């Protein structure tokens, strides 16, 4: 116990008894549930690449109900936004 040096913390390294680190199917590995089904996990370059990847995934989705639901929610949000900023449609009609 020195006066000028600080005491180092003790390290605790736990490895389970039957743990095999070389195995790919480790029970301790954390994997995402839907990663094998997504095509947008690779990071495309730029905003255009990201948008085109997302659009391709949206178009190739076999479940059309979820696509319709996303479209309806988007339309409702746009309408609420226009209502919130008091958008006036009379600028499009010259009467």
PDB file of N, CA and C in Angstrom:
ATOM      1  N   UNK A   1       0.845  -1.168   0.000  1.00  0.00           N
ATOM      2  CA  UNK A   1       0.000   0.000   0.000  1.00  0.00           C
ATOM      3  C   UNK A   1       0.893   1.234   0.000  1.00  0.00           C
ATOM      4  N   UNK A   2       1.046   1.825  -1.207  1.00  0.00           N
ATOM      5  CA  UNK A   2       1.918   2.980  -1.322  1.00  0.00           C
ATOM      6  C   UNK A   2       1.160   4.275  -1.070  1.00  0.00           C
ATOM      7  N   UNK A   3       1.859   5.261  -0.702  1.00  0.00           N
ATOM      8  CA  UNK A   3       1.232   6.551  -0.433  1.00  0.00           C
ATOM      9  C   UNK A   3       0.976   7.337  -1.708  1.00  0.00           C
ATOM     10  N   UNK A   4       1.826   7.192  -2.714  1.00  0.00           N
ATOM     11  CA  UNK A   4       1.706   7.983  -3.925  1.00  0.00           C
ATOM     12  C   UNK A   4       1.003   7.248  -5.071  1.00  0.00           C
ATOM     13  N   UNK A   5       0.861   5.963  -4.988  1.00  0.00           N
ATOM     14  CA  UNK A   5       0.209   5.217  -6.069  1.00  0.00           C
ATOM     15  C   UNK A   5      -1.195   4.804  -5.637  1.00  0.00           C
ATOM     16  N   UNK A   6      -2.066   4.791  -6.599  1.00  0.00           N
ATOM     17  CA  UNK A   6      -3.444   4.385  -6.311  1.00  0.00           C
ATOM     18  C   UNK A   6      -3.573   2.881  -6.439  1.00  0.00           C
ATOM     19  N   UNK A   7      -4.493   2.339  -5.709  1.00  0.00           N
ATOM     20  CA  UNK A   7      -4.740   0.915  -5.753  1.00  0.00           C
ATOM     21  C   UNK A   7      -5.540   0.570  -7.011  1.00  0.00           C
ATOM     22  N   UNK A   8      -5.153  -0.464  -7.723  1.00  0.00           N
ATOM     23  CA  UNK A   8      -5.864  -0.866  -8.936  1.00  0.00           C
ATOM     24  C   UNK A   8      -7.079  -1.700  -8.571  1.00  0.00           C
ATOM     25  N   UNK A   9      -8.125  -1.543  -9.365  1.00  0.00           N
ATOM     26  CA  UNK A   9      -9.337  -2.313  -9.140  1.00  0.00           C
ATOM     27  C   UNK A   9      -9.112  -3.773  -9.508  1.00  0.00           C
ATOM     28  N   UNK A  10      -9.793  -4.647  -8.803  1.00  0.00           N
ATOM     29  CA  UNK A  10      -9.704  -6.063  -9.122  1.00  0.00           C
ATOM     30  C   UNK A  10     -10.550  -6.354 -10.344  1.00  0.00           C
ATOM     31  N   UNK A  11     -10.053  -7.208 -11.195  1.00  0.00           N
ATOM     32  CA  UNK A  11     -10.799  -7.571 -12.400  1.00  0.00           C
ATOM     33  C   UNK A  11     -11.523  -8.880 -12.154  1.00  0.00           C
ATOM     34  N   UNK A  12     -12.738  -8.935 -12.669  1.00  0.00           N
ATOM     35  CA  UNK A  12     -13.547 -10.141 -12.538  1.00  0.00           C
ATOM     36  C   UNK A  12     -13.922 -10.593 -13.932  1.00  0.00           C
ATOM     37  N   UNK A  13     -13.406 -11.711 -14.345  1.00  0.00           N
ATOM     38  CA  UNK A  13     -13.749 -12.230 -15.662  1.00  0.00           C
ATOM     39  C   UNK A  13     -14.406 -13.587 -15.479  1.00  0.00           C
ATOM     40  N   UNK A  14     -15.649 -13.644 -15.845  1.00  0.00           N
ATOM     41  CA  UNK A  14     -16.434 -14.855 -15.675  1.00  0.00           C
ATOM     42  C   UNK A  14     -16.647 -15.512 -17.019  1.00  0.00           C
ATOM     43  N   UNK A  15     -16.345 -16.765 -17.114  1.00  0.00           N
ATOM     44  CA  UNK A  15     -16.699 -17.549 -18.295  1.00  0.00           C
ATOM     45  C   UNK A  15     -17.422 -18.800 -17.796  1.00  0.00           C
ATOM     46  N   UNK A  16     -18.558 -19.106 -18.384  1.00  0.00           N
ATOM     47  CA  UNK A  16     -19.294 -20.291 -17.954  1.00  0.00           C
ATOM     48  C   UNK A  16     -18.468 -21.563 -18.148  1.00  0.00           C
ATOM     49  N   UNK A  17     -18.795 -22.580 -17.426  1.00  0.00           N
ATOM     50  CA  UNK A  17     -18.002 -23.810 -17.423  1.00  0.00           C
ATOM     51  C   UNK A  17     -17.966 -24.480 -18.799  1.00  0.00           C
ATOM     52  N   UNK A  18     -19.111 -24.570 -19.464  1.00  0.00           N
ATOM     53  CA  UNK A  18     -19.179 -25.289 -20.737  1.00  0.00           C
ATOM     54  C   UNK A  18     -19.293 -24.339 -21.930  1.00  0.00           C
ATOM     55  N   UNK A  19     -18.797 -23.136 -21.828  1.00  0.00           N
ATOM     56  CA  UNK A  19     -18.894 -22.137 -22.890  1.00  0.00           C
ATOM     57  C   UNK A  19     -17.854 -22.420 -23.965  1.00  0.00           C
ATOM     58  N   UNK A  20     -18.327 -22.489 -25.210  1.00  0.00           N
ATOM     59  CA  UNK A  20     -17.424 -22.673 -26.348  1.00  0.00           C
ATOM     60  C   UNK A  20     -17.482 -21.396 -27.176  1.00  0.00           C
ATOM     61  N   UNK A  21     -16.436 -20.643 -27.177  1.00  0.00           N
ATOM     62  CA  UNK A  21     -16.436 -19.354 -27.859  1.00  0.00           C
ATOM     63  C   UNK A  21     -16.331 -19.501 -29.377  1.00  0.00           C
ATOM     64  N   UNK A  22     -15.870 -20.624 -29.871  1.00  0.00           N
ATOM     65  CA  UNK A  22     -15.713 -20.815 -31.309  1.00  0.00           C
ATOM     66  C   UNK A  22     -17.037 -21.152 -31.987  1.00  0.00           C
ATOM     67  N   UNK A  23     -18.010 -21.597 -31.238  1.00  0.00           N
ATOM     68  CA  UNK A  23     -19.287 -22.005 -31.828  1.00  0.00           C
ATOM     69  C   UNK A  23     -20.053 -20.785 -32.330  1.00  0.00           C
ATOM     70  N   UNK A  24     -20.652 -20.919 -33.515  1.00  0.00           N
ATOM     71  CA  UNK A  24     -21.426 -19.812 -34.072  1.00  0.00           C
ATOM     72  C   UNK A  24     -22.785 -19.677 -33.410  1.00  0.00           C
ATOM     73  N   UNK A  25     -23.388 -20.778 -33.012  1.00  0.00           N
ATOM     74  CA  UNK A  25     -24.693 -20.738 -32.378  1.00  0.00           C
ATOM     75  C   UNK A  25     -24.536 -20.683 -30.863  1.00  0.00           C
ATOM     76  N   UNK A  26     -23.957 -19.622 -30.405  1.00  0.00           N
ATOM     77  CA  UNK A  26     -23.731 -19.460 -28.979  1.00  0.00           C
ATOM     78  C   UNK A  26     -25.049 -19.092 -28.296  1.00  0.00           C
ATOM     79  N   UNK A  27     -25.348 -19.682 -27.168  1.00  0.00           N
ATOM     80  CA  UNK A  27     -26.577 -19.312 -26.466  1.00  0.00           C
ATOM     81  C   UNK A  27     -26.495 -17.920 -25.866  1.00  0.00           C
ATOM     82  N   UNK A  28     -25.303 -17.333 -25.799  1.00  0.00           N
ATOM     83  CA  UNK A  28     -25.129 -16.010 -25.224  1.00  0.00           C
ATOM     84  C   UNK A  28     -25.121 -14.914 -26.275  1.00  0.00           C
ATOM     85  N   UNK A  29     -25.167 -15.276 -27.548  1.00  0.00           N
ATOM     86  CA  UNK A  29     -25.152 -14.283 -28.616  1.00  0.00           C
ATOM     87  C   UNK A  29     -26.512 -13.604 -28.707  1.00  0.00           C
ATOM     88  N   UNK A  30     -26.486 -12.302 -28.914  1.00  0.00           N
ATOM     89  CA  UNK A  30     -27.718 -11.534 -29.051  1.00  0.00           C
ATOM     90  C   UNK A  30     -27.940 -11.279 -30.533  1.00  0.00           C
ATOM     91  N   UNK A  31     -29.020 -11.814 -31.044  1.00  0.00           N
ATOM     92  CA  UNK A  31     -29.339 -11.643 -32.456  1.00  0.00           C
ATOM     93  C   UNK A  31     -30.691 -10.954 -32.578  1.00  0.00           C
ATOM     94  N   UNK A  32     -30.830 -10.139 -33.601  1.00  0.00           N
ATOM     95  CA  UNK A  32     -32.094  -9.473 -33.846  1.00  0.00           C
ATOM     96  C   UNK A  32     -33.059 -10.449 -34.506  1.00  0.00           C
ATOM     97  N   UNK A  33     -34.328 -10.255 -34.239  1.00  0.00           N
ATOM     98  CA  UNK A  33     -35.333 -11.208 -34.704  1.00  0.00           C
ATOM     99  C   UNK A  33     -35.588 -11.105 -36.203  1.00  0.00           C
ATOM    100  N   UNK A  34     -35.605  -9.888 -36.749  1.00  0.00           N
ATOM    101  CA  UNK A  34     -35.998  -9.690 -38.138  1.00  0.00           C
ATOM    102  C   UNK A  34     -34.828  -9.370 -39.059  1.00  0.00           C
ATOM    103  N   UNK A  35     -33.603  -9.432 -38.588  1.00  0.00           N
ATOM    104  CA  UNK A  35     -32.457  -9.097 -39.426  1.00  0.00           C
ATOM    105  C   UNK A  35     -32.326  -9.962 -40.671  1.00  0.00           C
ATOM    106  N   UNK A  36     -32.604 -11.267 -40.623  1.00  0.00           N
ATOM    107  CA  UNK A  36     -32.468 -12.049 -41.858  1.00  0.00           C
ATOM    108  C   UNK A  36     -33.471 -11.647 -42.946  1.00  0.00           C
ATOM    109  N   UNK A  37     -34.536 -10.979 -42.600  1.00  0.00           N
ATOM    110  CA  UNK A  37     -35.572 -10.631 -43.566  1.00  0.00           C
ATOM    111  C   UNK A  37     -35.428  -9.220 -44.110  1.00  0.00           C
ATOM    112  N   UNK A  38     -34.533  -8.415 -43.573  1.00  0.00           N
ATOM    113  CA  UNK A  38     -34.384  -7.028 -44.013  1.00  0.00           C
ATOM    114  C   UNK A  38     -33.277  -6.907 -45.046  1.00  0.00           C
ATOM    115  N   UNK A  39     -33.536  -6.041 -46.021  1.00  0.00           N
ATOM    116  CA  UNK A  39     -32.494  -5.776 -47.009  1.00  0.00           C
ATOM    117  C   UNK A  39     -31.840  -4.427 -46.772  1.00  0.00           C
ATOM    118  N   UNK A  40     -32.315  -3.658 -45.808  1.00  0.00           N
ATOM    119  CA  UNK A  40     -31.778  -2.317 -45.578  1.00  0.00           C
ATOM    120  C   UNK A  40     -30.733  -2.285 -44.479  1.00  0.00           C
ATOM    121  N   UNK A  41     -30.232  -3.434 -44.047  1.00  0.00           N
ATOM    122  CA  UNK A  41     -29.224  -3.440 -42.991  1.00  0.00           C
ATOM    123  C   UNK A  41     -27.872  -2.947 -43.473  1.00  0.00           C
ATOM    124  N   UNK A  42     -27.534  -3.235 -44.726  1.00  0.00           N
ATOM    125  CA  UNK A  42     -26.287  -2.714 -45.255  1.00  0.00           C
ATOM    126  C   UNK A  42     -26.439  -1.209 -45.389  1.00  0.00           C
ATOM    127  N   UNK A  43     -25.412  -0.477 -45.010  1.00  0.00           N
ATOM    128  CA  UNK A  43     -25.521   0.982 -45.052  1.00  0.00           C
ATOM    129  C   UNK A  43     -25.207   1.482 -46.456  1.00  0.00           C
ATOM    130  N   UNK A  44     -26.214   1.905 -47.214  1.00  0.00           N
ATOM    131  CA  UNK A  44     -25.952   2.468 -48.537  1.00  0.00           C
ATOM    132  C   UNK A  44     -25.377   3.875 -48.396  1.00  0.00           C
ATOM    133  N   UNK A  45     -24.704   4.313 -49.434  1.00  0.00           N
ATOM    134  CA  UNK A  45     -24.065   5.621 -49.358  1.00  0.00           C
ATOM    135  C   UNK A  45     -25.043   6.717 -49.773  1.00  0.00           C
ATOM    136  N   UNK A  46     -25.104   7.742 -48.984  1.00  0.00           N
ATOM    137  CA  UNK A  46     -25.899   8.915 -49.308  1.00  0.00           C
ATOM    138  C   UNK A  46     -27.375   8.757 -49.013  1.00  0.00           C
ATOM    139  N   UNK A  47     -28.053   9.892 -49.076  1.00  0.00           N
ATOM    140  CA  UNK A  47     -29.483   9.924 -48.789  1.00  0.00           C
ATOM    141  C   UNK A  47     -30.288   9.222 -49.887  1.00  0.00           C
ATOM    142  N   UNK A  48     -29.860   9.382 -51.135  1.00  0.00           N
ATOM    143  CA  UNK A  48     -30.570   8.747 -52.237  1.00  0.00           C
ATOM    144  C   UNK A  48     -30.477   7.226 -52.147  1.00  0.00           C
ATOM    145  N   UNK A  49     -29.314   6.711 -51.783  1.00  0.00           N
ATOM    146  CA  UNK A  49     -29.138   5.267 -51.634  1.00  0.00           C
ATOM    147  C   UNK A  49     -30.002   4.698 -50.524  1.00  0.00           C
ATOM    148  N   UNK A  50     -30.080   5.411 -49.411  1.00  0.00           N
ATOM    149  CA  UNK A  50     -30.908   4.959 -48.294  1.00  0.00           C
ATOM    150  C   UNK A  50     -32.380   4.951 -48.674  1.00  0.00           C
ATOM    151  N   UNK A  51     -32.814   6.030 -49.356  1.00  0.00           N
ATOM    152  CA  UNK A  51     -34.211   6.119 -49.754  1.00  0.00           C
ATOM    153  C   UNK A  51     -34.567   5.047 -50.775  1.00  0.00           C
ATOM    154  N   UNK A  52     -33.681   4.804 -51.736  1.00  0.00           N
ATOM    155  CA  UNK A  52     -33.987   3.796 -52.759  1.00  0.00           C
ATOM    156  C   UNK A  52     -34.009   2.389 -52.156  1.00  0.00           C
ATOM    157  N   UNK A  53     -33.130   2.098 -51.187  1.00  0.00           N
ATOM    158  CA  UNK A  53     -33.161   0.802 -50.513  1.00  0.00           C
ATOM    159  C   UNK A  53     -34.461   0.616 -49.739  1.00  0.00           C
ATOM    160  N   UNK A  54     -34.875   1.669 -49.014  1.00  0.00           N
ATOM    161  CA  UNK A  54     -36.118   1.589 -48.247  1.00  0.00           C
ATOM    162  C   UNK A  54     -37.314   1.434 -49.179  1.00  0.00           C
ATOM    163  N   UNK A  55     -37.303   2.135 -50.309  1.00  0.00           N
ATOM    164  CA  UNK A  55     -38.405   2.034 -51.257  1.00  0.00           C
ATOM    165  C   UNK A  55     -38.456   0.641 -51.876  1.00  0.00           C
ATOM    166  N   UNK A  56     -37.309   0.055 -52.188  1.00  0.00           N
ATOM    167  CA  UNK A  56     -37.272  -1.303 -52.739  1.00  0.00           C
ATOM    168  C   UNK A  56     -37.803  -2.319 -51.731  1.00  0.00           C
ATOM    169  N   UNK A  57     -37.458  -2.138 -50.463  1.00  0.00           N
ATOM    170  CA  UNK A  57     -37.970  -3.044 -49.434  1.00  0.00           C
ATOM    171  C   UNK A  57     -39.479  -2.883 -49.281  1.00  0.00           C
ATOM    172  N   UNK A  58     -39.950  -1.642 -49.367  1.00  0.00           N
ATOM    173  CA  UNK A  58     -41.393  -1.386 -49.266  1.00  0.00           C
ATOM    174  C   UNK A  58     -42.143  -2.024 -50.433  1.00  0.00           C
ATOM    175  N   UNK A  59     -41.585  -1.929 -51.633  1.00  0.00           N
ATOM    176  CA  UNK A  59     -42.250  -2.473 -52.821  1.00  0.00           C
ATOM    177  C   UNK A  59     -42.212  -4.000 -52.848  1.00  0.00           C
ATOM    178  N   UNK A  60     -41.166  -4.603 -52.293  1.00  0.00           N
ATOM    179  CA  UNK A  60     -41.047  -6.057 -52.350  1.00  0.00           C
ATOM    180  C   UNK A  60     -41.669  -6.744 -51.136  1.00  0.00           C
ATOM    181  N   UNK A  61     -42.324  -5.987 -50.284  1.00  0.00           N
ATOM    182  CA  UNK A  61     -42.955  -6.565 -49.095  1.00  0.00           C
ATOM    183  C   UNK A  61     -44.146  -7.426 -49.519  1.00  0.00           C
ATOM    184  N   UNK A  62     -44.180  -8.700 -49.146  1.00  0.00           N
ATOM    185  CA  UNK A  62     -45.277  -9.566 -49.581  1.00  0.00           C
ATOM    186  C   UNK A  62     -46.605  -9.259 -48.893  1.00  0.00           C
ATOM    187  N   UNK A  63     -46.552  -8.561 -47.773  1.00  0.00           N
ATOM    188  CA  UNK A  63     -47.786  -8.252 -47.057  1.00  0.00           C
ATOM    189  C   UNK A  63     -48.301  -6.887 -47.484  1.00  0.00           C
ATOM    190  N   UNK A  64     -49.317  -6.865 -48.298  1.00  0.00           N
ATOM    191  CA  UNK A  64     -49.830  -5.592 -48.787  1.00  0.00           C
ATOM    192  C   UNK A  64     -50.649  -4.870 -47.725  1.00  0.00           C
ATOM    193  N   UNK A  65     -51.166  -5.598 -46.726  1.00  0.00           N
ATOM    194  CA  UNK A  65     -51.922  -4.934 -45.670  1.00  0.00           C
ATOM    195  C   UNK A  65     -51.050  -3.953 -44.891  1.00  0.00           C
ATOM    196  N   UNK A  66     -49.830  -4.341 -44.597  1.00  0.00           N
ATOM    197  CA  UNK A  66     -48.946  -3.441 -43.863  1.00  0.00           C
ATOM    198  C   UNK A  66     -48.553  -2.250 -44.735  1.00  0.00           C
ATOM    199  N   UNK A  67     -48.385  -2.471 -46.041  1.00  0.00           N
ATOM    200  CA  UNK A  67     -48.081  -1.361 -46.944  1.00  0.00           C
ATOM    201  C   UNK A  67     -49.231  -0.365 -46.978  1.00  0.00           C
ATOM    202  N   UNK A  68     -50.461  -0.861 -47.055  1.00  0.00           N
ATOM    203  CA  UNK A  68     -51.618   0.026 -47.062  1.00  0.00           C
ATOM    204  C   UNK A  68     -51.731   0.781 -45.750  1.00  0.00           C
ATOM    205  N   UNK A  69     -51.451   0.099 -44.648  1.00  0.00           N
ATOM    206  CA  UNK A  69     -51.535   0.738 -43.333  1.00  0.00           C
ATOM    207  C   UNK A  69     -50.528   1.869 -43.221  1.00  0.00           C
ATOM    208  N   UNK A  70     -49.305   1.649 -43.697  1.00  0.00           N
ATOM    209  CA  UNK A  70     -48.283   2.692 -43.662  1.00  0.00           C
ATOM    210  C   UNK A  70     -48.696   3.869 -44.530  1.00  0.00           C
ATOM    211  N   UNK A  71     -49.251   3.605 -45.686  1.00  0.00           N
ATOM    212  CA  UNK A  71     -49.699   4.658 -46.587  1.00  0.00           C
ATOM    213  C   UNK A  71     -50.825   5.479 -45.964  1.00  0.00           C
ATOM    214  N   UNK A  72     -51.787   4.820 -45.340  1.00  0.00           N
ATOM    215  CA  UNK A  72     -52.907   5.525 -44.705  1.00  0.00           C
ATOM    216  C   UNK A  72     -52.423   6.376 -43.540  1.00  0.00           C
ATOM    217  N   UNK A  73     -51.522   5.838 -42.725  1.00  0.00           N
ATOM    218  CA  UNK A  73     -50.983   6.611 -41.599  1.00  0.00           C
ATOM    219  C   UNK A  73     -50.217   7.827 -42.108  1.00  0.00           C
ATOM    220  N   UNK A  74     -49.462   7.668 -43.178  1.00  0.00           N
ATOM    221  CA  UNK A  74     -48.737   8.794 -43.762  1.00  0.00           C
ATOM    222  C   UNK A  74     -49.664   9.874 -44.268  1.00  0.00           C
ATOM    223  N   UNK A  75     -50.741   9.487 -44.943  1.00  0.00           N
ATOM    224  CA  UNK A  75     -51.702  10.469 -45.458  1.00  0.00           C
ATOM    225  C   UNK A  75     -52.379  11.213 -44.305  1.00  0.00           C
ATOM    226  N   UNK A  76     -52.751  10.495 -43.260  1.00  0.00           N
ATOM    227  CA  UNK A  76     -53.395  11.129 -42.103  1.00  0.00           C
ATOM    228  C   UNK A  76     -52.447  12.121 -41.438  1.00  0.00           C
ATOM    229  N   UNK A  77     -51.169  11.762 -41.319  1.00  0.00           N
ATOM    230  CA  UNK A  77     -50.209  12.677 -40.714  1.00  0.00           C
ATOM    231  C   UNK A  77     -49.999  13.929 -41.553  1.00  0.00           C
ATOM    232  N   UNK A  78     -49.973  13.775 -42.871  1.00  0.00           N
ATOM    233  CA  UNK A  78     -49.838  14.950 -43.745  1.00  0.00           C
ATOM    234  C   UNK A  78     -51.050  15.854 -43.613  1.00  0.00           C
ATOM    235  N   UNK A  79     -52.237  15.276 -43.588  1.00  0.00           N
ATOM    236  CA  UNK A  79     -53.463  16.084 -43.446  1.00  0.00           C
ATOM    237  C   UNK A  79     -53.482  16.806 -42.100  1.00  0.00           C
ATOM    238  N   UNK A  80     -53.083  16.124 -41.026  1.00  0.00           N
ATOM    239  CA  UNK A  80     -53.026  16.774 -39.712  1.00  0.00           C
ATOM    240  C   UNK A  80     -52.002  17.903 -39.696  1.00  0.00           C
ATOM    241  N   UNK A  81     -50.874  17.700 -40.356  1.00  0.00           N
ATOM    242  CA  UNK A  81     -49.869  18.752 -40.429  1.00  0.00           C
ATOM    243  C   UNK A  81     -50.399  19.967 -41.180  1.00  0.00           C
ATOM    244  N   UNK A  82     -51.059  19.726 -42.312  1.00  0.00           N
ATOM    245  CA  UNK A  82     -51.619  20.844 -43.080  1.00  0.00           C
ATOM    246  C   UNK A  82     -52.706  21.559 -42.292  1.00  0.00           C
ATOM    247  N   UNK A  83     -53.497  20.824 -41.543  1.00  0.00           N
ATOM    248  CA  UNK A  83     -54.527  21.441 -40.707  1.00  0.00           C
ATOM    249  C   UNK A  83     -53.896  22.252 -39.576  1.00  0.00           C
ATOM    250  N   UNK A  84     -52.804  21.749 -39.023  1.00  0.00           N
ATOM    251  CA  UNK A  84     -52.132  22.421 -37.919  1.00  0.00           C
ATOM    252  C   UNK A  84     -51.525  23.750 -38.348  1.00  0.00           C
ATOM    253  N   UNK A  85     -50.960  23.812 -39.557  1.00  0.00           N
ATOM    254  CA  UNK A  85     -50.365  25.069 -40.026  1.00  0.00           C
ATOM    255  C   UNK A  85     -51.387  25.942 -40.739  1.00  0.00           C
ATOM    256  N   UNK A  86     -52.645  25.527 -40.707  1.00  0.00           N
ATOM    257  CA  UNK A  86     -53.761  26.264 -41.310  1.00  0.00           C
ATOM    258  C   UNK A  86     -53.512  26.524 -42.792  1.00  0.00           C
ATOM    259  N   UNK A  87     -53.210  25.467 -43.500  1.00  0.00           N
ATOM    260  CA  UNK A  87     -52.959  25.549 -44.935  1.00  0.00           C
ATOM    261  C   UNK A  87     -54.262  25.847 -45.657  1.00  0.00           C
ATOM    262  N   UNK A  88     -54.211  26.792 -46.574  1.00  0.00           N
ATOM    263  CA  UNK A  88     -55.408  27.221 -47.282  1.00  0.00           C
ATOM    264  C   UNK A  88     -55.353  26.705 -48.723  1.00  0.00           C
ATOM    265  N   UNK A  89     -56.364  25.945 -49.131  1.00  0.00           N
ATOM    266  CA  UNK A  89     -56.400  25.374 -50.477  1.00  0.00           C
ATOM    267  C   UNK A  89     -56.836  26.387 -51.530  1.00  0.00           C
ATOM    268  N   UNK A  90     -57.274  27.561 -51.124  1.00  0.00           N
ATOM    269  CA  UNK A  90     -57.756  28.528 -52.090  1.00  0.00           C
ATOM    270  C   UNK A  90     -56.620  29.089 -52.966  1.00  0.00           C
ATOM    271  N   UNK A  91     -55.366  28.875 -52.618  1.00  0.00           N
ATOM    272  CA  UNK A  91     -54.278  29.367 -53.453  1.00  0.00           C
ATOM    273  C   UNK A  91     -54.178  28.569 -54.750  1.00  0.00           C
ATOM    274  N   UNK A  92     -54.763  27.382 -54.787  1.00  0.00           N
ATOM    275  CA  UNK A  92     -54.735  26.568 -56.008  1.00  0.00           C
ATOM    276  C   UNK A  92     -55.900  26.893 -56.945  1.00  0.00           C
ATOM    277  N   UNK A  93     -56.927  27.500 -56.440  1.00  0.00           N
ATOM    278  CA  UNK A  93     -58.126  27.819 -57.236  1.00  0.00           C
ATOM    279  C   UNK A  93     -58.240  29.317 -57.389  1.00  0.00           C
ATOM    280  N   UNK A  94     -58.264  29.784 -58.640  1.00  0.00           N
ATOM    281  CA  UNK A  94     -58.398  31.214 -58.913  1.00  0.00           C
ATOM    282  C   UNK A  94     -59.852  31.519 -59.248  1.00  0.00           C
ATOM    283  N   UNK A  95     -60.626  31.839 -58.264  1.00  0.00           N
ATOM    284  CA  UNK A  95     -62.050  32.191 -58.482  1.00  0.00           C
ATOM    285  C   UNK A  95     -62.282  33.641 -58.267  1.00  0.00           C
TER     286      UNK A  95
END
